[in-house]
N, C-alpha and C. Protein backbone atom coordinates (compact mmCIF):
# COMPACT_ATOMS: atom_id res chain seq x y z
N MET A 1 88.61 453.06 184.44
CA MET A 1 87.21 453.20 184.04
C MET A 1 86.98 452.57 182.67
N VAL A 2 87.93 452.72 181.77
CA VAL A 2 87.80 452.14 180.44
C VAL A 2 87.74 450.62 180.53
N ASN A 3 88.62 450.03 181.38
CA ASN A 3 88.64 448.58 181.52
C ASN A 3 87.32 448.07 182.07
N ASN A 4 86.77 448.77 183.07
CA ASN A 4 85.49 448.37 183.64
C ASN A 4 84.39 448.43 182.60
N LEU A 5 84.39 449.50 181.79
CA LEU A 5 83.38 449.65 180.76
C LEU A 5 83.49 448.54 179.73
N THR A 6 84.73 448.20 179.37
CA THR A 6 84.94 447.12 178.40
C THR A 6 84.39 445.81 178.92
N SER A 7 84.63 445.52 180.21
CA SER A 7 84.14 444.28 180.80
C SER A 7 82.62 444.25 180.79
N GLN A 8 82.00 445.38 181.10
CA GLN A 8 80.55 445.43 181.10
C GLN A 8 79.99 445.18 179.71
N VAL A 9 80.60 445.80 178.71
CA VAL A 9 80.14 445.60 177.34
C VAL A 9 80.29 444.14 176.94
N ASP A 10 81.41 443.51 177.30
CA ASP A 10 81.63 442.11 176.98
C ASP A 10 80.55 441.23 177.61
N ILE A 11 80.24 441.47 178.86
CA ILE A 11 79.24 440.66 179.55
C ILE A 11 77.89 440.79 178.85
N VAL A 12 77.51 442.00 178.51
CA VAL A 12 76.23 442.20 177.83
C VAL A 12 76.21 441.46 176.50
N ASN A 13 77.31 441.53 175.77
CA ASN A 13 77.37 440.83 174.47
C ASN A 13 77.26 439.32 174.65
N HIS A 14 77.90 438.81 175.69
CA HIS A 14 77.79 437.38 175.97
C HIS A 14 76.35 437.00 176.28
N LEU A 15 75.68 437.81 177.06
CA LEU A 15 74.29 437.52 177.43
C LEU A 15 73.36 437.66 176.24
N LYS A 16 73.69 438.55 175.33
CA LYS A 16 72.90 438.65 174.10
C LYS A 16 73.11 437.43 173.22
N TRP A 17 74.30 436.84 173.28
CA TRP A 17 74.62 435.66 172.47
C TRP A 17 73.85 434.43 172.93
N ARG A 18 73.66 434.30 174.24
CA ARG A 18 73.05 433.08 174.77
C ARG A 18 71.56 433.04 174.48
N TYR A 19 71.03 431.84 174.46
CA TYR A 19 69.58 431.63 174.32
C TYR A 19 69.29 430.25 174.90
N ALA A 20 68.03 429.97 175.14
CA ALA A 20 67.66 428.66 175.66
C ALA A 20 67.74 427.65 174.51
N THR A 21 68.82 426.95 174.45
CA THR A 21 69.11 426.06 173.32
C THR A 21 68.08 424.93 173.22
N LYS A 22 67.48 424.82 172.08
CA LYS A 22 66.46 423.79 171.88
C LYS A 22 67.04 422.51 171.29
N LYS A 23 68.13 422.65 170.52
CA LYS A 23 68.72 421.47 169.89
C LYS A 23 70.23 421.53 170.03
N PHE A 24 70.78 420.53 170.70
CA PHE A 24 72.23 420.44 170.89
C PHE A 24 72.84 419.52 169.84
N ASP A 25 74.08 419.81 169.49
CA ASP A 25 74.87 418.92 168.63
C ASP A 25 75.46 417.84 169.54
N ASN A 26 74.92 416.64 169.47
CA ASN A 26 75.35 415.60 170.40
C ASN A 26 76.74 415.05 170.12
N SER A 27 77.38 415.52 169.04
CA SER A 27 78.75 415.09 168.74
C SER A 27 79.79 416.00 169.40
N LYS A 28 79.34 417.14 169.93
CA LYS A 28 80.26 418.10 170.54
C LYS A 28 80.18 418.03 172.05
N LYS A 29 81.34 417.85 172.68
CA LYS A 29 81.39 417.72 174.13
C LYS A 29 82.19 418.88 174.74
N ILE A 30 81.82 419.25 175.93
CA ILE A 30 82.53 420.30 176.66
C ILE A 30 83.85 419.73 177.17
N ASP A 31 84.95 420.41 176.89
CA ASP A 31 86.25 419.91 177.34
C ASP A 31 86.39 420.06 178.85
N GLN A 32 87.31 419.30 179.43
CA GLN A 32 87.43 419.22 180.89
C GLN A 32 87.79 420.56 181.52
N GLU A 33 88.68 421.32 180.89
CA GLU A 33 89.07 422.62 181.45
C GLU A 33 87.88 423.56 181.55
N THR A 34 87.08 423.60 180.50
CA THR A 34 85.89 424.45 180.49
C THR A 34 84.89 423.96 181.52
N TRP A 35 84.72 422.64 181.58
CA TRP A 35 83.75 422.12 182.54
C TRP A 35 84.17 422.40 183.98
N THR A 36 85.44 422.32 184.25
CA THR A 36 85.92 422.62 185.60
C THR A 36 85.56 424.04 186.00
N GLN A 37 85.68 424.97 185.07
CA GLN A 37 85.30 426.36 185.36
C GLN A 37 83.81 426.48 185.63
N LEU A 38 83.00 425.75 184.88
CA LEU A 38 81.56 425.80 185.11
C LEU A 38 81.20 425.21 186.47
N GLU A 39 81.86 424.13 186.84
CA GLU A 39 81.61 423.55 188.17
C GLU A 39 82.00 424.53 189.27
N GLU A 40 83.13 425.19 189.09
CA GLU A 40 83.57 426.17 190.08
C GLU A 40 82.56 427.31 190.19
N SER A 41 81.97 427.71 189.07
CA SER A 41 80.98 428.78 189.12
C SER A 41 79.76 428.35 189.93
N LEU A 42 79.40 427.09 189.83
CA LEU A 42 78.30 426.57 190.64
C LEU A 42 78.65 426.63 192.12
N VAL A 43 79.84 426.16 192.45
CA VAL A 43 80.27 426.14 193.85
C VAL A 43 80.35 427.55 194.43
N LEU A 44 80.69 428.52 193.60
CA LEU A 44 80.84 429.90 194.06
C LEU A 44 79.52 430.68 194.12
N THR A 45 78.43 430.02 193.82
CA THR A 45 77.12 430.69 193.87
C THR A 45 76.83 431.19 195.29
N PRO A 46 76.35 432.42 195.41
CA PRO A 46 75.96 432.92 196.74
C PRO A 46 74.66 432.27 197.19
N SER A 47 74.49 432.18 198.51
CA SER A 47 73.25 431.64 199.06
C SER A 47 72.91 432.36 200.35
N SER A 48 71.64 432.34 200.69
CA SER A 48 71.19 432.99 201.92
C SER A 48 71.87 432.35 203.13
N TYR A 49 72.41 433.18 204.01
CA TYR A 49 73.17 432.75 205.20
C TYR A 49 74.45 432.00 204.82
N GLY A 50 74.72 431.87 203.52
CA GLY A 50 75.88 431.10 203.09
C GLY A 50 75.71 429.60 203.26
N LEU A 51 74.48 429.12 203.45
CA LEU A 51 74.25 427.72 203.83
C LEU A 51 74.34 426.73 202.67
N GLN A 52 74.24 427.20 201.44
CA GLN A 52 74.45 426.34 200.27
C GLN A 52 73.63 425.03 200.35
N PRO A 53 72.30 425.15 200.39
CA PRO A 53 71.46 423.97 200.60
C PRO A 53 71.20 423.16 199.34
N TRP A 54 72.26 422.75 198.67
CA TRP A 54 72.11 422.13 197.36
C TRP A 54 73.21 421.14 197.08
N LYS A 55 72.99 420.34 196.05
CA LYS A 55 74.05 419.57 195.41
C LYS A 55 73.75 419.59 193.91
N PHE A 56 74.80 419.46 193.12
CA PHE A 56 74.67 419.54 191.67
C PHE A 56 75.04 418.19 191.08
N VAL A 57 74.05 417.51 190.55
CA VAL A 57 74.26 416.17 189.99
C VAL A 57 74.56 416.32 188.50
N VAL A 58 75.77 415.98 188.10
CA VAL A 58 76.20 416.14 186.72
C VAL A 58 76.11 414.79 186.00
N VAL A 59 75.30 414.75 184.96
CA VAL A 59 75.05 413.49 184.25
C VAL A 59 75.66 413.57 182.85
N THR A 60 76.57 412.64 182.57
CA THR A 60 77.16 412.52 181.23
C THR A 60 77.01 411.11 180.67
N ASP A 61 76.68 410.15 181.51
CA ASP A 61 76.52 408.76 181.08
C ASP A 61 75.36 408.65 180.09
N PRO A 62 75.62 408.19 178.86
CA PRO A 62 74.56 408.13 177.84
C PRO A 62 73.36 407.28 178.26
N GLU A 63 73.61 406.18 178.95
CA GLU A 63 72.51 405.31 179.36
C GLU A 63 71.61 406.00 180.39
N VAL A 64 72.23 406.71 181.32
CA VAL A 64 71.46 407.42 182.34
C VAL A 64 70.70 408.57 181.69
N LYS A 65 71.37 409.28 180.78
CA LYS A 65 70.70 410.38 180.08
C LYS A 65 69.50 409.86 179.29
N ALA A 66 69.61 408.68 178.73
CA ALA A 66 68.49 408.10 177.98
C ALA A 66 67.32 407.84 178.91
N GLN A 67 67.61 407.34 180.11
CA GLN A 67 66.54 407.11 181.08
C GLN A 67 65.89 408.43 181.49
N LEU A 68 66.72 409.45 181.67
CA LEU A 68 66.19 410.75 182.07
C LEU A 68 65.40 411.38 180.93
N GLY A 69 65.81 411.10 179.70
CA GLY A 69 65.08 411.63 178.56
C GLY A 69 63.62 411.20 178.58
N GLU A 70 63.38 409.99 179.05
CA GLU A 70 62.02 409.47 179.14
C GLU A 70 61.21 410.20 180.21
N LYS A 71 61.91 410.84 181.16
CA LYS A 71 61.24 411.57 182.24
C LYS A 71 61.20 413.07 181.95
N SER A 72 61.48 413.46 180.71
CA SER A 72 61.61 414.88 180.36
C SER A 72 60.56 415.34 179.35
N PHE A 73 59.45 414.63 179.31
CA PHE A 73 58.33 415.02 178.45
C PHE A 73 58.75 415.17 176.98
N VAL A 74 59.55 414.21 176.52
CA VAL A 74 59.97 414.09 175.13
C VAL A 74 60.82 415.27 174.65
N GLN A 75 61.40 416.00 175.55
CA GLN A 75 62.32 417.07 175.16
C GLN A 75 63.69 416.46 174.88
N PRO A 76 64.37 416.88 173.80
CA PRO A 76 65.61 416.22 173.40
C PRO A 76 66.86 416.70 174.15
N GLN A 77 66.79 417.83 174.82
CA GLN A 77 68.01 418.42 175.40
C GLN A 77 68.73 417.50 176.40
N PRO A 78 68.03 416.86 177.33
CA PRO A 78 68.75 416.01 178.29
C PRO A 78 69.54 414.88 177.63
N LEU A 79 69.02 414.39 176.51
CA LEU A 79 69.70 413.28 175.81
C LEU A 79 70.84 413.78 174.94
N ASP A 80 70.66 414.91 174.27
CA ASP A 80 71.64 415.37 173.29
C ASP A 80 72.72 416.29 173.83
N CYS A 81 72.51 416.88 174.99
CA CYS A 81 73.50 417.81 175.53
C CYS A 81 74.78 417.08 175.94
N SER A 82 75.83 417.83 176.16
CA SER A 82 77.09 417.26 176.62
C SER A 82 77.01 416.89 178.10
N HIS A 83 76.56 417.84 178.91
CA HIS A 83 76.45 417.67 180.36
C HIS A 83 75.07 418.13 180.81
N LEU A 84 74.43 417.32 181.61
CA LEU A 84 73.14 417.69 182.19
C LEU A 84 73.33 417.89 183.68
N VAL A 85 73.01 419.08 184.16
CA VAL A 85 73.12 419.38 185.59
C VAL A 85 71.74 419.34 186.21
N VAL A 86 71.58 418.47 187.18
CA VAL A 86 70.33 418.39 187.94
C VAL A 86 70.57 419.13 189.26
N ILE A 87 70.08 420.35 189.33
CA ILE A 87 70.29 421.16 190.53
C ILE A 87 69.27 420.70 191.57
N SER A 88 69.77 420.21 192.69
CA SER A 88 68.92 419.55 193.68
C SER A 88 69.06 420.22 195.04
N ARG A 89 67.95 420.28 195.74
CA ARG A 89 67.97 420.83 197.10
C ARG A 89 68.14 419.69 198.10
N LEU A 90 68.56 420.06 199.29
CA LEU A 90 68.57 419.10 200.39
C LEU A 90 67.13 418.81 200.79
N THR A 91 66.89 417.63 201.31
CA THR A 91 65.54 417.32 201.80
C THR A 91 65.36 417.76 203.24
N THR A 92 66.47 417.94 203.97
CA THR A 92 66.37 418.42 205.34
C THR A 92 67.47 419.44 205.61
N MET A 93 67.19 420.35 206.49
CA MET A 93 68.17 421.32 206.98
C MET A 93 68.09 421.27 208.50
N ASP A 94 69.13 420.74 209.15
CA ASP A 94 69.07 420.54 210.59
C ASP A 94 70.30 421.08 211.29
N HIS A 95 70.35 420.87 212.61
CA HIS A 95 71.46 421.39 213.41
C HIS A 95 72.79 420.78 213.00
N ASP A 96 72.78 419.50 212.64
CA ASP A 96 74.03 418.85 212.23
C ASP A 96 74.61 419.54 210.99
N TYR A 97 73.74 419.90 210.06
CA TYR A 97 74.21 420.59 208.86
C TYR A 97 74.80 421.94 209.22
N VAL A 98 74.12 422.66 210.11
CA VAL A 98 74.62 423.97 210.55
C VAL A 98 75.97 423.82 211.22
N GLU A 99 76.10 422.83 212.08
CA GLU A 99 77.38 422.60 212.79
C GLU A 99 78.50 422.32 211.80
N LYS A 100 78.21 421.51 210.80
CA LYS A 100 79.23 421.18 209.79
C LYS A 100 79.64 422.43 209.02
N TYR A 101 78.66 423.27 208.70
CA TYR A 101 78.96 424.51 207.98
C TYR A 101 79.82 425.44 208.82
N LEU A 102 79.50 425.56 210.10
CA LEU A 102 80.28 426.41 210.99
C LEU A 102 81.71 425.88 211.13
N GLN A 103 81.87 424.57 211.16
CA GLN A 103 83.20 423.99 211.23
C GLN A 103 84.02 424.35 209.99
N SER A 104 83.37 424.35 208.83
CA SER A 104 84.08 424.69 207.60
C SER A 104 84.48 426.17 207.60
N ILE A 105 83.65 427.03 208.19
CA ILE A 105 84.01 428.44 208.30
C ILE A 105 85.24 428.59 209.19
N ALA A 106 85.22 427.92 210.34
CA ALA A 106 86.33 428.02 211.28
C ALA A 106 87.63 427.56 210.63
N GLU A 107 87.59 426.50 209.87
CA GLU A 107 88.78 425.98 209.21
C GLU A 107 89.26 426.91 208.11
N ALA A 108 88.32 427.40 207.28
CA ALA A 108 88.70 428.24 206.14
C ALA A 108 89.25 429.58 206.58
N ARG A 109 88.74 430.10 207.71
CA ARG A 109 89.13 431.44 208.15
C ARG A 109 90.05 431.42 209.37
N SER A 110 90.52 430.23 209.72
CA SER A 110 91.45 430.07 210.84
C SER A 110 90.95 430.78 212.09
N THR A 111 89.72 430.47 212.43
CA THR A 111 89.12 431.05 213.63
C THR A 111 88.55 429.93 214.48
N THR A 112 87.95 430.29 215.61
CA THR A 112 87.42 429.29 216.53
C THR A 112 85.91 429.20 216.41
N LEU A 113 85.38 428.05 216.78
CA LEU A 113 83.93 427.89 216.79
C LEU A 113 83.30 428.82 217.82
N GLU A 114 84.03 429.08 218.90
CA GLU A 114 83.51 429.97 219.95
C GLU A 114 83.23 431.37 219.39
N SER A 115 84.09 431.81 218.47
CA SER A 115 83.92 433.15 217.91
C SER A 115 82.70 433.24 216.99
N LEU A 116 82.13 432.08 216.63
CA LEU A 116 80.99 432.04 215.72
C LEU A 116 79.68 431.79 216.45
N GLU A 117 79.68 431.89 217.77
CA GLU A 117 78.49 431.59 218.55
C GLU A 117 77.29 432.44 218.15
N ALA A 118 77.52 433.74 217.95
CA ALA A 118 76.41 434.62 217.59
C ALA A 118 75.83 434.23 216.24
N TYR A 119 76.70 433.91 215.29
CA TYR A 119 76.25 433.50 213.97
C TYR A 119 75.52 432.16 214.06
N LYS A 120 76.04 431.26 214.90
CA LYS A 120 75.40 429.97 215.09
C LYS A 120 73.98 430.16 215.62
N GLY A 121 73.82 431.09 216.56
CA GLY A 121 72.49 431.35 217.10
C GLY A 121 71.53 431.83 216.03
N MET A 122 72.02 432.65 215.12
CA MET A 122 71.17 433.15 214.04
C MET A 122 70.76 432.01 213.10
N LEU A 123 71.72 431.14 212.76
CA LEU A 123 71.42 430.04 211.84
C LEU A 123 70.47 429.03 212.47
N THR A 124 70.76 428.63 213.70
CA THR A 124 69.90 427.64 214.36
C THR A 124 68.51 428.22 214.60
N GLY A 125 68.45 429.50 214.89
CA GLY A 125 67.15 430.14 215.06
C GLY A 125 66.33 430.08 213.78
N PHE A 126 66.99 430.33 212.68
CA PHE A 126 66.32 430.26 211.37
C PHE A 126 65.78 428.87 211.11
N VAL A 127 66.61 427.85 211.37
CA VAL A 127 66.20 426.47 211.12
C VAL A 127 65.05 426.07 212.05
N GLU A 128 65.13 426.49 213.30
CA GLU A 128 64.13 426.07 214.28
C GLU A 128 62.76 426.72 214.04
N ARG A 129 62.77 427.97 213.64
CA ARG A 129 61.49 428.68 213.52
C ARG A 129 60.84 428.52 212.15
N THR A 130 61.52 427.87 211.21
CA THR A 130 60.99 427.71 209.86
C THR A 130 60.43 426.30 209.69
N SER A 131 59.21 426.21 209.20
CA SER A 131 58.58 424.90 209.01
C SER A 131 59.30 424.12 207.92
N GLN A 132 59.11 422.80 207.92
CA GLN A 132 59.75 421.96 206.92
C GLN A 132 59.33 422.38 205.51
N THR A 133 58.05 422.67 205.34
CA THR A 133 57.56 423.10 204.02
C THR A 133 58.23 424.39 203.58
N ASP A 134 58.33 425.35 204.49
CA ASP A 134 58.96 426.62 204.14
C ASP A 134 60.45 426.45 203.89
N LEU A 135 61.09 425.56 204.64
CA LEU A 135 62.51 425.29 204.40
C LEU A 135 62.72 424.71 203.00
N GLU A 136 61.84 423.80 202.61
CA GLU A 136 61.95 423.20 201.28
C GLU A 136 61.79 424.25 200.19
N HIS A 137 60.83 425.14 200.37
CA HIS A 137 60.63 426.21 199.39
C HIS A 137 61.84 427.15 199.36
N TRP A 138 62.37 427.45 200.53
CA TRP A 138 63.54 428.33 200.61
C TRP A 138 64.73 427.69 199.91
N MET A 139 64.96 426.41 200.15
CA MET A 139 66.09 425.72 199.53
C MET A 139 65.92 425.67 198.01
N ALA A 140 64.69 425.46 197.55
CA ALA A 140 64.44 425.44 196.10
C ALA A 140 64.75 426.79 195.48
N ARG A 141 64.37 427.87 196.17
CA ARG A 141 64.66 429.21 195.64
C ARG A 141 66.16 429.46 195.56
N GLN A 142 66.91 428.92 196.51
CA GLN A 142 68.36 429.07 196.46
C GLN A 142 68.93 428.38 195.22
N CYS A 143 68.31 427.26 194.85
CA CYS A 143 68.78 426.52 193.67
C CYS A 143 68.67 427.35 192.40
N TYR A 144 67.68 428.24 192.36
CA TYR A 144 67.53 429.07 191.16
C TYR A 144 68.63 430.13 191.08
N ILE A 145 69.18 430.52 192.22
CA ILE A 145 70.34 431.42 192.19
C ILE A 145 71.50 430.70 191.51
N ALA A 146 71.69 429.43 191.86
CA ALA A 146 72.76 428.64 191.25
C ALA A 146 72.53 428.50 189.74
N LEU A 147 71.28 428.30 189.35
CA LEU A 147 70.97 428.19 187.93
C LEU A 147 71.36 429.47 187.19
N GLY A 148 71.00 430.61 187.75
CA GLY A 148 71.36 431.88 187.10
C GLY A 148 72.85 432.06 186.99
N ASN A 149 73.56 431.69 188.04
CA ASN A 149 75.02 431.81 188.02
C ASN A 149 75.62 430.93 186.93
N LEU A 150 75.10 429.72 186.82
CA LEU A 150 75.59 428.77 185.81
C LEU A 150 75.31 429.27 184.40
N LEU A 151 74.12 429.81 184.17
CA LEU A 151 73.78 430.31 182.84
C LEU A 151 74.69 431.45 182.42
N THR A 152 74.99 432.34 183.36
CA THR A 152 75.87 433.47 183.04
C THR A 152 77.29 433.00 182.77
N ALA A 153 77.79 432.11 183.63
CA ALA A 153 79.15 431.58 183.43
C ALA A 153 79.25 430.86 182.09
N ALA A 154 78.22 430.09 181.75
CA ALA A 154 78.24 429.37 180.47
C ALA A 154 78.28 430.34 179.30
N ALA A 155 77.52 431.42 179.40
CA ALA A 155 77.51 432.41 178.31
C ALA A 155 78.89 433.03 178.13
N VAL A 156 79.54 433.37 179.23
CA VAL A 156 80.87 433.96 179.16
C VAL A 156 81.87 433.00 178.53
N LEU A 157 81.69 431.70 178.80
CA LEU A 157 82.59 430.69 178.25
C LEU A 157 82.16 430.20 176.87
N ARG A 158 81.09 430.81 176.34
CA ARG A 158 80.55 430.44 175.03
C ARG A 158 80.13 428.97 175.00
N VAL A 159 79.49 428.55 176.08
CA VAL A 159 78.87 427.24 176.16
C VAL A 159 77.36 427.43 176.12
N ASP A 160 76.70 426.70 175.28
CA ASP A 160 75.25 426.83 175.18
C ASP A 160 74.57 426.12 176.33
N ALA A 161 73.40 426.63 176.69
CA ALA A 161 72.69 426.08 177.84
C ALA A 161 71.19 426.24 177.68
N CYS A 162 70.47 425.38 178.38
CA CYS A 162 69.01 425.48 178.39
C CYS A 162 68.50 425.14 179.78
N PRO A 163 67.94 426.13 180.50
CA PRO A 163 67.31 425.84 181.78
C PRO A 163 66.00 425.11 181.54
N MET A 164 65.67 424.16 182.41
CA MET A 164 64.49 423.33 182.18
C MET A 164 63.76 423.03 183.48
N GLU A 165 62.47 423.36 183.49
CA GLU A 165 61.61 422.98 184.60
C GLU A 165 60.65 421.87 184.21
N GLY A 166 60.51 421.62 182.91
CA GLY A 166 59.56 420.63 182.43
C GLY A 166 60.12 419.23 182.49
N PHE A 167 60.05 418.62 183.66
CA PHE A 167 60.50 417.24 183.79
C PHE A 167 59.79 416.60 184.99
N ASP A 168 59.79 415.30 185.01
CA ASP A 168 59.16 414.55 186.09
C ASP A 168 60.14 414.46 187.26
N LYS A 169 59.92 415.28 188.26
CA LYS A 169 60.86 415.34 189.38
C LYS A 169 60.96 414.00 190.11
N ASN A 170 59.84 413.38 190.35
CA ASN A 170 59.88 412.08 191.02
C ASN A 170 60.63 411.05 190.18
N GLY A 171 60.42 411.13 188.87
CA GLY A 171 61.12 410.21 187.98
C GLY A 171 62.62 410.42 188.00
N TYR A 172 63.03 411.68 187.97
CA TYR A 172 64.46 412.00 188.05
C TYR A 172 65.04 411.53 189.38
N ASP A 173 64.32 411.80 190.46
CA ASP A 173 64.81 411.40 191.78
C ASP A 173 65.01 409.89 191.85
N GLU A 174 64.11 409.16 191.19
CA GLU A 174 64.21 407.70 191.21
C GLU A 174 65.38 407.21 190.38
N VAL A 175 65.51 407.72 189.16
CA VAL A 175 66.60 407.28 188.27
C VAL A 175 67.97 407.59 188.89
N LEU A 176 68.09 408.76 189.49
CA LEU A 176 69.37 409.20 190.05
C LEU A 176 69.57 408.80 191.51
N ASN A 177 68.57 408.10 192.06
CA ASN A 177 68.66 407.64 193.44
C ASN A 177 68.92 408.81 194.41
N LEU A 178 68.16 409.87 194.23
CA LEU A 178 68.41 411.08 195.01
C LEU A 178 67.87 411.02 196.44
N SER A 179 66.71 410.41 196.62
CA SER A 179 66.10 410.39 197.96
C SER A 179 67.02 409.79 199.02
N PRO A 180 67.64 408.63 198.76
CA PRO A 180 68.56 408.08 199.76
C PRO A 180 69.77 408.99 200.03
N ARG A 181 70.06 409.89 199.12
CA ARG A 181 71.16 410.84 199.31
C ARG A 181 70.71 412.10 200.04
N GLY A 182 69.42 412.14 200.39
CA GLY A 182 68.89 413.32 201.06
C GLY A 182 68.70 414.49 200.13
N LEU A 183 68.33 414.20 198.86
CA LEU A 183 68.21 415.24 197.84
C LEU A 183 66.87 415.13 197.12
N ALA A 184 66.46 416.25 196.53
CA ALA A 184 65.28 416.28 195.67
C ALA A 184 65.57 417.22 194.51
N SER A 185 65.31 416.77 193.29
CA SER A 185 65.60 417.59 192.11
C SER A 185 64.69 418.82 192.08
N VAL A 186 65.25 419.93 191.59
CA VAL A 186 64.51 421.20 191.53
C VAL A 186 64.41 421.72 190.10
N VAL A 187 65.55 421.83 189.43
CA VAL A 187 65.57 422.41 188.09
C VAL A 187 66.78 421.84 187.34
N LEU A 188 66.67 421.80 186.02
CA LEU A 188 67.74 421.25 185.19
C LEU A 188 68.45 422.35 184.42
N CYS A 189 69.69 422.04 184.02
CA CYS A 189 70.36 422.88 183.05
C CYS A 189 71.16 421.97 182.12
N ALA A 190 70.73 421.93 180.87
CA ALA A 190 71.44 421.17 179.84
C ALA A 190 72.50 422.07 179.22
N LEU A 191 73.72 421.55 179.08
CA LEU A 191 74.81 422.35 178.54
C LEU A 191 75.55 421.60 177.44
N GLY A 192 76.04 422.35 176.48
CA GLY A 192 76.78 421.76 175.37
C GLY A 192 76.96 422.80 174.28
N TYR A 193 76.75 422.40 173.05
CA TYR A 193 76.92 423.32 171.92
C TYR A 193 75.76 423.16 170.96
N ARG A 194 75.24 424.29 170.54
CA ARG A 194 74.05 424.32 169.68
C ARG A 194 74.26 423.59 168.36
N ASP A 195 73.21 422.95 167.91
CA ASP A 195 73.23 422.34 166.59
C ASP A 195 72.97 423.42 165.55
N SER A 196 73.62 423.31 164.42
CA SER A 196 73.51 424.35 163.39
C SER A 196 72.09 424.47 162.84
N SER A 197 71.27 423.45 163.06
CA SER A 197 69.90 423.49 162.54
C SER A 197 68.91 424.10 163.52
N ASP A 198 69.39 424.50 164.70
CA ASP A 198 68.48 425.07 165.70
C ASP A 198 68.08 426.48 165.28
N LYS A 199 66.87 426.63 164.81
CA LYS A 199 66.42 427.92 164.28
C LYS A 199 66.33 429.00 165.36
N TYR A 200 66.21 428.58 166.61
CA TYR A 200 66.05 429.56 167.69
C TYR A 200 67.34 430.33 167.96
N ALA A 201 68.47 429.81 167.50
CA ALA A 201 69.76 430.47 167.73
C ALA A 201 69.83 431.83 167.05
N SER A 202 69.15 431.96 165.93
CA SER A 202 69.25 433.21 165.16
C SER A 202 68.07 434.14 165.37
N GLN A 203 67.13 433.75 166.19
CA GLN A 203 65.97 434.60 166.41
C GLN A 203 66.30 435.77 167.34
N GLU A 204 65.68 436.88 167.09
CA GLU A 204 65.91 438.08 167.90
C GLU A 204 65.38 437.85 169.32
N LYS A 205 66.17 438.33 170.29
CA LYS A 205 65.70 438.25 171.67
C LYS A 205 64.50 439.16 171.87
N VAL A 206 63.57 438.72 172.68
CA VAL A 206 62.41 439.55 173.01
C VAL A 206 62.45 439.84 174.50
N ARG A 207 62.76 441.06 174.83
CA ARG A 207 62.83 441.49 176.23
C ARG A 207 62.11 442.82 176.37
N HIS A 208 61.55 443.06 177.55
CA HIS A 208 60.95 444.36 177.82
C HIS A 208 62.03 445.43 177.77
N PRO A 209 61.70 446.63 177.34
CA PRO A 209 62.67 447.73 177.36
C PRO A 209 63.13 448.01 178.79
N VAL A 210 64.38 448.44 178.90
CA VAL A 210 64.92 448.77 180.22
C VAL A 210 64.01 449.75 180.95
N SER A 211 63.48 450.73 180.21
CA SER A 211 62.64 451.74 180.83
C SER A 211 61.36 451.16 181.43
N ASP A 212 60.96 449.98 180.94
CA ASP A 212 59.73 449.36 181.45
C ASP A 212 59.96 448.51 182.70
N VAL A 213 61.18 448.03 182.87
CA VAL A 213 61.40 447.08 183.96
C VAL A 213 62.38 447.55 185.03
N VAL A 214 63.10 448.64 184.77
CA VAL A 214 64.03 449.16 185.75
C VAL A 214 63.48 450.48 186.30
N ILE A 215 63.33 450.53 187.60
CA ILE A 215 62.79 451.72 188.26
C ILE A 215 63.90 452.37 189.06
N HIS A 216 64.21 453.60 188.76
CA HIS A 216 65.23 454.36 189.49
C HIS A 216 64.54 455.24 190.53
N ILE A 217 65.01 455.14 191.74
CA ILE A 217 64.41 455.93 192.83
C ILE A 217 65.49 456.83 193.45
């Protein structure tokens, strides 16, 4: 019980430490070992039905970041951060995707596709009865789960991060050539290390009291 309590306290302290970084120190880069852990945290993100309707485009090339900076409404984070993650949804969800996912389940769990028939029926039913517009909205919502997972993992690893919705999605899709890959950008996360001049790092967090937002029934 003591160990569990200690872990909980540590997590809360990490989350208190993090903030939406406004200014990154562009001379500081995330080392490969740390970045590998952050990538793994993205891959381990839970998703509805386990379908993982996303890809994570990691941008570190300075020239590409400069192009994306122009599509980010003059915000400096995409240019100055160490790694920019463009969390992107799939543009389509079809039977072929479901079949591929089921095959990966069978391989990972050493089972047969026949044993997954009932699950297959549930997945294909979902895809068939959901309109393209609703599927796109659903996939975008899944991307925000990945964003939350990444922000928490970054805080635990003491990596600064800034989630970003203020960007030209069409512009990003064009620069990164996402459409031919069957992808559409949803939300960004800039990661790196805060610049010492970022005044927001020392500002008090403003959150509603627990009693105002948590309802016990």
